[in-house]
N, C-alpha and C. Protein backbone atom coordinates (compact mmCIF):
# COMPACT_ATOMS: atom_id res chain seq x y z
N VAL A 1 7.53 313.73 245.34
CA VAL A 1 8.62 313.91 244.38
C VAL A 1 9.63 314.92 244.94
N ASP A 2 9.12 316.05 245.53
CA ASP A 2 10.03 317.05 246.10
C ASP A 2 10.86 316.44 247.22
N ASP A 3 10.21 315.58 248.04
CA ASP A 3 10.93 314.97 249.15
C ASP A 3 12.07 314.10 248.65
N LEU A 4 11.82 313.31 247.61
CA LEU A 4 12.86 312.44 247.06
C LEU A 4 14.00 313.25 246.47
N ASN A 5 13.67 314.37 245.80
CA ASN A 5 14.72 315.25 245.25
C ASN A 5 15.59 315.83 246.35
N VAL A 6 14.96 316.24 247.47
CA VAL A 6 15.70 316.81 248.60
C VAL A 6 16.60 315.74 249.20
N ILE A 7 16.09 314.51 249.36
CA ILE A 7 16.90 313.42 249.91
C ILE A 7 18.07 313.09 248.98
N ASP A 8 17.78 312.97 247.69
CA ASP A 8 18.83 312.62 246.72
C ASP A 8 19.91 313.69 246.62
N SER A 9 19.49 314.96 246.60
CA SER A 9 20.46 316.06 246.42
C SER A 9 21.12 316.47 247.73
N GLY A 10 20.42 316.24 248.85
CA GLY A 10 20.94 316.69 250.14
C GLY A 10 20.88 318.20 250.31
N VAL A 11 20.08 318.87 249.45
CA VAL A 11 19.97 320.33 249.47
C VAL A 11 18.53 320.72 249.82
N SER A 12 18.39 321.71 250.71
CA SER A 12 17.07 322.21 251.09
C SER A 12 16.38 322.82 249.88
N LYS A 13 15.05 322.79 249.91
CA LYS A 13 14.29 323.36 248.80
C LYS A 13 13.18 324.24 249.36
N LEU A 14 13.11 325.46 248.82
CA LEU A 14 12.04 326.38 249.19
C LEU A 14 10.97 326.34 248.12
N ILE A 15 9.74 326.12 248.55
CA ILE A 15 8.60 326.18 247.64
C ILE A 15 7.86 327.46 248.01
N ALA A 16 8.04 328.49 247.19
CA ALA A 16 7.55 329.82 247.51
C ALA A 16 6.03 329.85 247.72
N GLU A 17 5.32 329.11 246.89
CA GLU A 17 3.85 329.07 247.02
C GLU A 17 3.34 327.72 246.55
N GLU A 18 2.49 327.15 247.35
CA GLU A 18 1.74 325.98 246.92
C GLU A 18 0.36 326.08 247.54
N THR A 19 -0.63 325.64 246.81
CA THR A 19 -2.00 325.76 247.29
C THR A 19 -2.54 324.39 247.69
N PHE A 20 -3.44 324.44 248.65
CA PHE A 20 -4.16 323.23 249.03
C PHE A 20 -5.51 323.66 249.59
N THR A 21 -6.42 322.72 249.71
CA THR A 21 -7.73 322.98 250.27
C THR A 21 -7.77 322.42 251.68
N ASP A 22 -8.11 323.28 252.65
CA ASP A 22 -8.12 322.84 254.04
C ASP A 22 -9.37 322.02 254.35
N HIS A 23 -9.50 321.59 255.60
CA HIS A 23 -10.60 320.72 255.99
C HIS A 23 -11.98 321.39 255.89
N THR A 24 -11.99 322.73 255.82
CA THR A 24 -13.28 323.45 255.68
C THR A 24 -13.61 323.71 254.21
N GLY A 25 -12.72 323.29 253.31
CA GLY A 25 -12.97 323.49 251.89
C GLY A 25 -12.43 324.81 251.34
N HIS A 26 -11.71 325.58 252.17
CA HIS A 26 -11.13 326.85 251.73
C HIS A 26 -9.74 326.63 251.14
N ARG A 27 -9.45 327.40 250.10
CA ARG A 27 -8.14 327.35 249.45
C ARG A 27 -7.14 328.12 250.29
N ARG A 28 -6.01 327.51 250.60
CA ARG A 28 -4.96 328.15 251.39
C ARG A 28 -3.67 328.15 250.57
N ILE A 29 -2.82 329.12 250.86
CA ILE A 29 -1.53 329.22 250.17
C ILE A 29 -0.43 329.05 251.22
N LEU A 30 0.47 328.13 250.96
CA LEU A 30 1.57 327.85 251.89
C LEU A 30 2.91 328.19 251.26
N GLN A 31 3.84 328.58 252.13
CA GLN A 31 5.24 328.67 251.73
C GLN A 31 5.94 327.58 252.53
N THR A 32 6.65 326.71 251.83
CA THR A 32 7.21 325.53 252.47
C THR A 32 8.70 325.43 252.22
N ILE A 33 9.41 325.01 253.24
CA ILE A 33 10.82 324.67 253.06
C ILE A 33 10.97 323.21 253.45
N LYS A 34 11.71 322.50 252.61
CA LYS A 34 11.98 321.08 252.85
C LYS A 34 13.47 320.94 253.11
N ILE A 35 13.80 320.35 254.26
CA ILE A 35 15.19 320.27 254.72
C ILE A 35 15.58 318.81 254.88
N PRO A 36 16.69 318.38 254.25
CA PRO A 36 17.14 316.99 254.43
C PRO A 36 17.82 316.81 255.79
N PHE A 37 17.63 315.64 256.39
CA PHE A 37 18.35 315.32 257.61
C PHE A 37 18.38 313.80 257.79
N ILE A 38 19.24 313.36 258.66
CA ILE A 38 19.34 311.93 258.99
C ILE A 38 18.53 311.72 260.27
N GLU A 39 17.55 310.83 260.19
CA GLU A 39 16.69 310.59 261.35
C GLU A 39 17.50 309.89 262.44
N PRO A 40 17.54 310.49 263.65
CA PRO A 40 18.35 309.92 264.74
C PRO A 40 17.88 308.50 265.09
N GLY A 41 18.83 307.65 265.33
CA GLY A 41 18.52 306.28 265.73
C GLY A 41 18.31 305.34 264.57
N LEU A 42 17.74 305.82 263.48
CA LEU A 42 17.48 304.96 262.33
C LEU A 42 18.56 305.10 261.27
N ASN A 43 19.30 306.19 261.35
CA ASN A 43 20.36 306.46 260.39
C ASN A 43 19.88 306.44 258.94
N GLU A 44 18.64 306.88 258.75
CA GLU A 44 18.07 306.91 257.39
C GLU A 44 17.81 308.37 256.99
N PRO A 45 17.97 308.67 255.70
CA PRO A 45 17.68 310.04 255.25
C PRO A 45 16.18 310.31 255.35
N ALA A 46 15.87 311.52 255.74
CA ALA A 46 14.47 311.94 255.85
C ALA A 46 14.38 313.41 255.44
N VAL A 47 13.16 313.91 255.40
CA VAL A 47 12.92 315.31 255.05
C VAL A 47 12.04 315.94 256.12
N LEU A 48 12.48 317.10 256.57
CA LEU A 48 11.67 317.89 257.49
C LEU A 48 11.01 318.98 256.67
N GLY A 49 9.70 319.04 256.71
CA GLY A 49 8.98 320.08 255.98
C GLY A 49 8.37 321.07 256.95
N VAL A 50 8.62 322.35 256.72
CA VAL A 50 8.04 323.40 257.54
C VAL A 50 7.23 324.30 256.61
N ALA A 51 5.93 324.42 256.93
CA ALA A 51 5.03 325.21 256.07
C ALA A 51 4.45 326.38 256.86
N ILE A 52 4.39 327.52 256.20
CA ILE A 52 3.78 328.72 256.79
C ILE A 52 2.60 329.10 255.91
N ASP A 53 1.45 329.32 256.54
CA ASP A 53 0.26 329.74 255.80
C ASP A 53 0.40 331.23 255.47
N ILE A 54 0.54 331.55 254.18
CA ILE A 54 0.72 332.95 253.75
C ILE A 54 -0.51 333.47 253.00
N THR A 55 -1.65 332.83 253.20
CA THR A 55 -2.87 333.20 252.48
C THR A 55 -3.22 334.67 252.72
N GLU A 56 -3.28 335.08 253.99
CA GLU A 56 -3.66 336.47 254.30
C GLU A 56 -2.64 337.47 253.77
N GLN A 57 -1.34 337.16 253.91
CA GLN A 57 -0.31 338.07 253.41
C GLN A 57 -0.41 338.22 251.90
N LYS A 58 -0.65 337.11 251.20
CA LYS A 58 -0.78 337.14 249.74
C LYS A 58 -1.99 337.97 249.34
N GLN A 59 -3.12 337.77 250.04
CA GLN A 59 -4.32 338.54 249.73
C GLN A 59 -4.10 340.02 250.01
N ALA A 60 -3.43 340.34 251.11
CA ALA A 60 -3.15 341.75 251.43
C ALA A 60 -2.25 342.38 250.38
N LYS A 61 -1.24 341.62 249.93
CA LYS A 61 -0.33 342.12 248.90
C LYS A 61 -1.08 342.38 247.59
N GLU A 62 -1.99 341.48 247.24
CA GLU A 62 -2.79 341.65 246.03
C GLU A 62 -3.71 342.85 246.15
N GLU A 63 -4.28 343.07 247.34
CA GLU A 63 -5.15 344.22 247.57
C GLU A 63 -4.37 345.53 247.46
N VAL A 64 -3.16 345.55 248.01
CA VAL A 64 -2.30 346.74 247.90
C VAL A 64 -2.00 347.03 246.43
N ALA A 65 -1.70 345.99 245.66
CA ALA A 65 -1.41 346.17 244.23
C ALA A 65 -2.64 346.69 243.50
N ARG A 66 -3.82 346.18 243.84
CA ARG A 66 -5.07 346.67 243.21
C ARG A 66 -5.31 348.14 243.56
N MET A 67 -5.10 348.50 244.83
CA MET A 67 -5.31 349.89 245.25
C MET A 67 -4.30 350.82 244.59
N ARG A 68 -3.07 350.36 244.48
CA ARG A 68 -2.03 351.17 243.83
C ARG A 68 -2.40 351.43 242.36
N LEU A 69 -2.87 350.39 241.68
CA LEU A 69 -3.29 350.53 240.29
C LEU A 69 -4.50 351.45 240.18
N TYR A 70 -5.45 351.31 241.11
CA TYR A 70 -6.64 352.16 241.11
C TYR A 70 -6.24 353.63 241.30
N LEU A 71 -5.37 353.90 242.28
CA LEU A 71 -4.93 355.28 242.51
C LEU A 71 -4.15 355.83 241.33
N LYS A 72 -3.34 354.99 240.70
CA LYS A 72 -2.60 355.42 239.50
C LYS A 72 -3.58 355.78 238.39
N ASN A 73 -4.64 354.98 238.23
CA ASN A 73 -5.65 355.29 237.22
C ASN A 73 -6.37 356.60 237.53
N VAL A 74 -6.64 356.85 238.81
CA VAL A 74 -7.30 358.10 239.22
C VAL A 74 -6.42 359.30 238.86
N ILE A 75 -5.15 359.27 239.27
CA ILE A 75 -4.31 360.44 239.01
C ILE A 75 -3.96 360.57 237.53
N ASP A 76 -3.89 359.44 236.82
CA ASP A 76 -3.61 359.51 235.38
C ASP A 76 -4.77 360.13 234.61
N SER A 77 -5.99 359.98 235.12
CA SER A 77 -7.15 360.51 234.39
C SER A 77 -7.36 362.00 234.64
N MET A 78 -6.57 362.60 235.53
CA MET A 78 -6.68 364.05 235.77
C MET A 78 -5.89 364.79 234.69
N PRO A 79 -6.43 365.90 234.17
CA PRO A 79 -5.72 366.62 233.11
C PRO A 79 -4.51 367.41 233.60
N SER A 80 -4.46 367.72 234.88
CA SER A 80 -3.32 368.47 235.43
C SER A 80 -2.08 367.61 235.50
N ILE A 81 -0.93 368.26 235.44
CA ILE A 81 0.33 367.59 235.71
C ILE A 81 0.43 367.44 237.22
N LEU A 82 0.65 366.21 237.69
CA LEU A 82 0.81 365.95 239.13
C LEU A 82 2.16 365.29 239.36
N ILE A 83 2.92 365.88 240.30
CA ILE A 83 4.24 365.37 240.64
C ILE A 83 4.29 365.22 242.15
N GLY A 84 4.45 364.00 242.63
CA GLY A 84 4.62 363.76 244.05
C GLY A 84 6.09 363.80 244.39
N VAL A 85 6.44 364.52 245.46
CA VAL A 85 7.84 364.63 245.88
C VAL A 85 7.96 364.40 247.38
N ASP A 86 9.15 363.95 247.80
CA ASP A 86 9.42 363.83 249.23
C ASP A 86 9.86 365.20 249.74
N PRO A 87 10.13 365.36 251.05
CA PRO A 87 10.48 366.69 251.58
C PRO A 87 11.75 367.30 250.99
N TRP A 88 12.58 366.48 250.35
CA TRP A 88 13.82 366.98 249.77
C TRP A 88 13.69 367.23 248.27
N GLY A 89 12.48 367.04 247.73
CA GLY A 89 12.22 367.34 246.32
C GLY A 89 12.47 366.18 245.38
N TYR A 90 12.63 364.99 245.90
CA TYR A 90 12.84 363.83 245.03
C TYR A 90 11.50 363.20 244.66
N ILE A 91 11.35 362.86 243.40
CA ILE A 91 10.07 362.40 242.86
C ILE A 91 9.69 361.04 243.43
N THR A 92 8.43 360.97 243.87
CA THR A 92 7.87 359.71 244.36
C THR A 92 6.82 359.17 243.39
N VAL A 93 6.14 360.06 242.67
CA VAL A 93 5.10 359.62 241.73
C VAL A 93 4.89 360.70 240.67
N LEU A 94 4.52 360.25 239.48
CA LEU A 94 4.13 361.15 238.38
C LEU A 94 2.85 360.60 237.79
N ASN A 95 1.98 361.50 237.35
CA ASN A 95 0.84 361.00 236.59
C ASN A 95 1.18 361.03 235.10
N GLN A 96 0.26 360.49 234.30
CA GLN A 96 0.53 360.36 232.86
C GLN A 96 0.77 361.72 232.18
N PRO A 97 -0.03 362.76 232.48
CA PRO A 97 0.30 364.07 231.86
C PRO A 97 1.70 364.57 232.23
N ALA A 98 2.16 364.27 233.44
CA ALA A 98 3.51 364.68 233.84
C ALA A 98 4.56 363.88 233.07
N GLU A 99 4.28 362.59 232.85
CA GLU A 99 5.20 361.77 232.06
C GLU A 99 5.28 362.32 230.63
N GLN A 100 4.12 362.70 230.06
CA GLN A 100 4.11 363.23 228.70
C GLN A 100 4.84 364.57 228.62
N ALA A 101 4.62 365.43 229.62
CA ALA A 101 5.26 366.75 229.61
C ALA A 101 6.78 366.65 229.74
N SER A 102 7.23 365.70 230.54
CA SER A 102 8.68 365.59 230.78
C SER A 102 9.36 364.65 229.79
N GLY A 103 8.57 363.75 229.20
CA GLY A 103 9.15 362.73 228.33
C GLY A 103 9.86 361.64 229.10
N VAL A 104 9.59 361.57 230.41
CA VAL A 104 10.25 360.60 231.28
C VAL A 104 9.18 359.77 231.98
N SER A 105 9.38 358.46 232.02
CA SER A 105 8.41 357.59 232.70
C SER A 105 8.54 357.73 234.21
N TRP A 106 7.49 357.35 234.91
CA TRP A 106 7.51 357.39 236.37
C TRP A 106 8.63 356.51 236.91
N GLU A 107 8.80 355.33 236.33
CA GLU A 107 9.85 354.42 236.79
C GLU A 107 11.23 355.06 236.68
N THR A 108 11.47 355.79 235.59
CA THR A 108 12.76 356.45 235.38
C THR A 108 12.90 357.67 236.29
N ALA A 109 11.80 358.42 236.47
CA ALA A 109 11.84 359.65 237.25
C ALA A 109 11.91 359.41 238.75
N GLN A 110 11.39 358.27 239.19
CA GLN A 110 11.32 358.00 240.62
C GLN A 110 12.71 358.09 241.26
N GLY A 111 12.79 358.88 242.33
CA GLY A 111 14.05 359.05 243.04
C GLY A 111 14.94 360.16 242.51
N GLN A 112 14.56 360.76 241.38
CA GLN A 112 15.34 361.89 240.84
C GLN A 112 14.81 363.20 241.42
N PHE A 113 15.68 364.19 241.51
CA PHE A 113 15.25 365.51 241.97
C PHE A 113 14.29 366.08 240.94
N PHE A 114 13.15 366.63 241.40
CA PHE A 114 12.12 367.09 240.46
C PHE A 114 12.63 368.18 239.53
N GLY A 115 13.58 368.99 240.00
CA GLY A 115 14.13 370.06 239.17
C GLY A 115 14.95 369.54 238.01
N ALA A 116 15.48 368.32 238.14
CA ALA A 116 16.25 367.72 237.04
C ALA A 116 15.31 367.22 235.95
N VAL A 117 14.13 366.75 236.36
CA VAL A 117 13.15 366.23 235.40
C VAL A 117 12.27 367.36 234.85
N PHE A 118 11.98 368.35 235.70
CA PHE A 118 11.17 369.51 235.32
C PHE A 118 11.95 370.79 235.64
N PRO A 119 12.97 371.12 234.82
CA PRO A 119 13.83 372.27 235.14
C PRO A 119 13.06 373.58 235.29
N GLN A 120 11.96 373.73 234.56
CA GLN A 120 11.20 374.99 234.64
C GLN A 120 10.48 375.14 235.98
N LEU A 121 10.36 374.06 236.73
CA LEU A 121 9.67 374.11 238.02
C LEU A 121 10.64 374.13 239.20
N GLU A 122 11.93 374.10 238.92
CA GLU A 122 12.91 374.04 240.01
C GLU A 122 12.76 375.21 240.97
N SER A 123 12.30 376.35 240.47
CA SER A 123 12.12 377.53 241.32
C SER A 123 11.03 377.30 242.37
N GLN A 124 10.26 376.23 242.25
CA GLN A 124 9.18 375.94 243.19
C GLN A 124 9.67 375.21 244.44
N PHE A 125 10.96 374.93 244.53
CA PHE A 125 11.46 374.16 245.67
C PHE A 125 11.17 374.85 247.00
N GLU A 126 11.32 376.16 247.05
CA GLU A 126 11.04 376.89 248.30
C GLU A 126 9.56 376.79 248.66
N GLN A 127 8.69 376.82 247.65
CA GLN A 127 7.25 376.67 247.91
C GLN A 127 6.95 375.27 248.47
N ILE A 128 7.65 374.27 247.97
CA ILE A 128 7.47 372.91 248.48
C ILE A 128 7.85 372.87 249.96
N ARG A 129 9.01 373.43 250.28
CA ARG A 129 9.46 373.44 251.68
C ARG A 129 8.49 374.20 252.57
N GLN A 130 8.01 375.35 252.08
CA GLN A 130 7.07 376.16 252.87
C GLN A 130 5.73 375.44 253.06
N ALA A 131 5.22 374.83 251.99
CA ALA A 131 3.93 374.12 252.08
C ALA A 131 4.02 372.99 253.09
N ILE A 132 5.12 372.25 253.08
CA ILE A 132 5.31 371.16 254.03
C ILE A 132 5.44 371.71 255.45
N HIS A 133 6.25 372.76 255.60
CA HIS A 133 6.48 373.35 256.92
C HIS A 133 5.20 373.95 257.51
N LEU A 134 4.45 374.68 256.69
CA LEU A 134 3.23 375.34 257.18
C LEU A 134 2.01 374.42 257.20
N GLY A 135 2.10 373.34 256.43
CA GLY A 135 0.94 372.44 256.34
C GLY A 135 -0.20 373.03 255.55
N GLN A 136 0.13 373.96 254.63
CA GLN A 136 -0.90 374.62 253.82
C GLN A 136 -0.46 374.67 252.37
N PRO A 137 -1.45 374.60 251.45
CA PRO A 137 -1.11 374.71 250.03
C PRO A 137 -0.56 376.10 249.70
N ILE A 138 0.31 376.16 248.71
CA ILE A 138 0.86 377.43 248.24
C ILE A 138 0.66 377.49 246.73
N LYS A 139 0.13 378.62 246.27
CA LYS A 139 -0.17 378.79 244.85
C LYS A 139 0.79 379.81 244.23
N THR A 140 1.29 379.47 243.04
CA THR A 140 2.03 380.41 242.22
C THR A 140 1.21 380.62 240.96
N PRO A 141 0.46 381.73 240.87
CA PRO A 141 -0.40 381.93 239.70
C PRO A 141 0.38 382.45 238.50
N ARG A 142 -0.06 382.05 237.34
CA ARG A 142 0.46 382.54 236.06
C ARG A 142 1.98 382.52 235.95
N MET A 143 2.54 381.41 236.33
CA MET A 143 3.98 381.23 236.17
C MET A 143 4.26 381.06 234.68
N THR A 144 5.29 381.72 234.18
CA THR A 144 5.60 381.60 232.75
C THR A 144 6.50 380.39 232.52
N LEU A 145 6.14 379.63 231.49
CA LEU A 145 6.89 378.44 231.10
C LEU A 145 7.09 378.45 229.61
N GLU A 146 8.21 377.93 229.17
CA GLU A 146 8.42 377.77 227.73
C GLU A 146 8.12 376.32 227.37
N VAL A 147 7.13 376.13 226.49
CA VAL A 147 6.74 374.80 226.06
C VAL A 147 6.81 374.76 224.54
N ASP A 148 7.64 373.88 224.01
CA ASP A 148 7.82 373.76 222.56
C ASP A 148 8.11 375.12 221.92
N HIS A 149 9.04 375.86 222.51
CA HIS A 149 9.49 377.17 222.02
C HIS A 149 8.38 378.22 221.99
N ALA A 150 7.34 378.01 222.78
CA ALA A 150 6.26 379.00 222.89
C ALA A 150 6.06 379.32 224.36
N LEU A 151 5.65 380.57 224.64
CA LEU A 151 5.43 381.01 226.01
C LEU A 151 4.06 380.51 226.48
N HIS A 152 4.05 379.86 227.63
CA HIS A 152 2.82 379.38 228.24
C HIS A 152 2.74 379.91 229.66
N TYR A 153 1.53 379.94 230.18
CA TYR A 153 1.29 380.33 231.56
C TYR A 153 0.71 379.14 232.30
N ALA A 154 1.12 378.99 233.56
CA ALA A 154 0.62 377.88 234.35
C ALA A 154 0.37 378.34 235.78
N ASP A 155 -0.73 377.83 236.34
CA ASP A 155 -0.96 377.97 237.78
C ASP A 155 -0.31 376.76 238.42
N VAL A 156 0.54 377.02 239.39
CA VAL A 156 1.24 375.92 240.08
C VAL A 156 0.78 375.92 241.53
N MET A 157 0.25 374.78 241.96
CA MET A 157 -0.18 374.61 243.35
C MET A 157 0.71 373.55 243.98
N VAL A 158 1.16 373.82 245.19
CA VAL A 158 1.93 372.84 245.95
C VAL A 158 1.10 372.48 247.17
N TYR A 159 0.71 371.22 247.25
CA TYR A 159 -0.11 370.72 248.35
C TYR A 159 0.76 369.85 249.26
N PRO A 160 0.82 370.17 250.55
CA PRO A 160 1.56 369.28 251.45
C PRO A 160 0.78 367.99 251.65
N LEU A 161 1.49 366.88 251.79
CA LEU A 161 0.82 365.63 252.10
C LEU A 161 0.40 365.67 253.56
N MET A 162 -0.85 365.32 253.82
CA MET A 162 -1.39 365.45 255.17
C MET A 162 -1.65 364.11 255.84
N ALA A 163 -1.34 363.01 255.18
CA ALA A 163 -1.62 361.69 255.74
C ALA A 163 -0.69 361.39 256.90
N ASP A 164 -1.14 360.53 257.80
CA ASP A 164 -0.34 360.13 258.95
C ASP A 164 0.99 359.56 258.50
N GLY A 165 2.06 360.11 259.03
CA GLY A 165 3.38 359.58 258.76
C GLY A 165 3.94 359.93 257.39
N ALA A 166 3.10 360.47 256.49
CA ALA A 166 3.58 360.81 255.15
C ALA A 166 4.15 362.22 255.19
N SER A 167 5.25 362.41 254.51
CA SER A 167 5.77 363.76 254.39
C SER A 167 6.20 363.96 252.95
N GLY A 168 5.95 365.14 252.48
CA GLY A 168 6.24 365.46 251.10
C GLY A 168 5.15 366.38 250.58
N ALA A 169 5.04 366.45 249.28
CA ALA A 169 4.07 367.35 248.67
C ALA A 169 3.68 366.84 247.30
N VAL A 170 2.58 367.38 246.81
CA VAL A 170 2.14 367.13 245.44
C VAL A 170 2.13 368.47 244.73
N ILE A 171 2.79 368.51 243.58
CA ILE A 171 2.83 369.72 242.76
C ILE A 171 1.82 369.52 241.64
N ARG A 172 0.88 370.47 241.52
CA ARG A 172 -0.11 370.41 240.44
C ARG A 172 0.13 371.60 239.51
N VAL A 173 0.26 371.30 238.22
CA VAL A 173 0.51 372.35 237.22
C VAL A 173 -0.65 372.33 236.24
N ASP A 174 -1.33 373.48 236.15
CA ASP A 174 -2.43 373.63 235.19
C ASP A 174 -2.06 374.70 234.17
N ASP A 175 -2.09 374.32 232.89
CA ASP A 175 -1.81 375.27 231.82
C ASP A 175 -3.00 376.22 231.69
N VAL A 176 -2.79 377.51 231.92
CA VAL A 176 -3.86 378.50 231.86
C VAL A 176 -3.61 379.50 230.73
N THR A 177 -2.80 379.13 229.74
CA THR A 177 -2.44 380.04 228.66
C THR A 177 -3.68 380.55 227.94
N SER A 178 -4.60 379.69 227.60
CA SER A 178 -5.80 380.12 226.88
C SER A 178 -6.64 381.07 227.71
N ARG A 179 -6.68 380.87 229.03
CA ARG A 179 -7.43 381.77 229.90
C ARG A 179 -6.76 383.13 230.00
N VAL A 180 -5.41 383.13 230.04
CA VAL A 180 -4.67 384.41 230.12
C VAL A 180 -4.84 385.18 228.84
């Protein structure tokens, strides 16, 4: 049916995903493009189909999505506020407590300067730069914060990202008011 549509319309058609079972009985996923052309010598319309097996790429993409969701669940279940930033202080990730504290979703906060979303933490920018430069965590104990018109104390830790090729930091904020 797709071939006849391509011949009738004279327009190429991309089929982003189609599944089939190969000769070994395994399910494969193909990406196919169907291109109309006139067969030389016969002067009849025909369709050239080119298919690429994208099974492994699709599985890898699904695995990345599962891992991303798993990591999001891990950081969301931590009681501390966690803010991931790049070396220039722009937000890359927020956990759920950070979203609640700021009133801003991760999707909205992503790419914004952390000081714009968390103005009370803007003074930590130098600690972020130092932690990244030195490759060591930096702690600011008992930082005073105003939360809902009340004075709170927080321990703020800035951890440099240590993974290969990754640069940036994670800011962890723990409310220690009751301990103080």
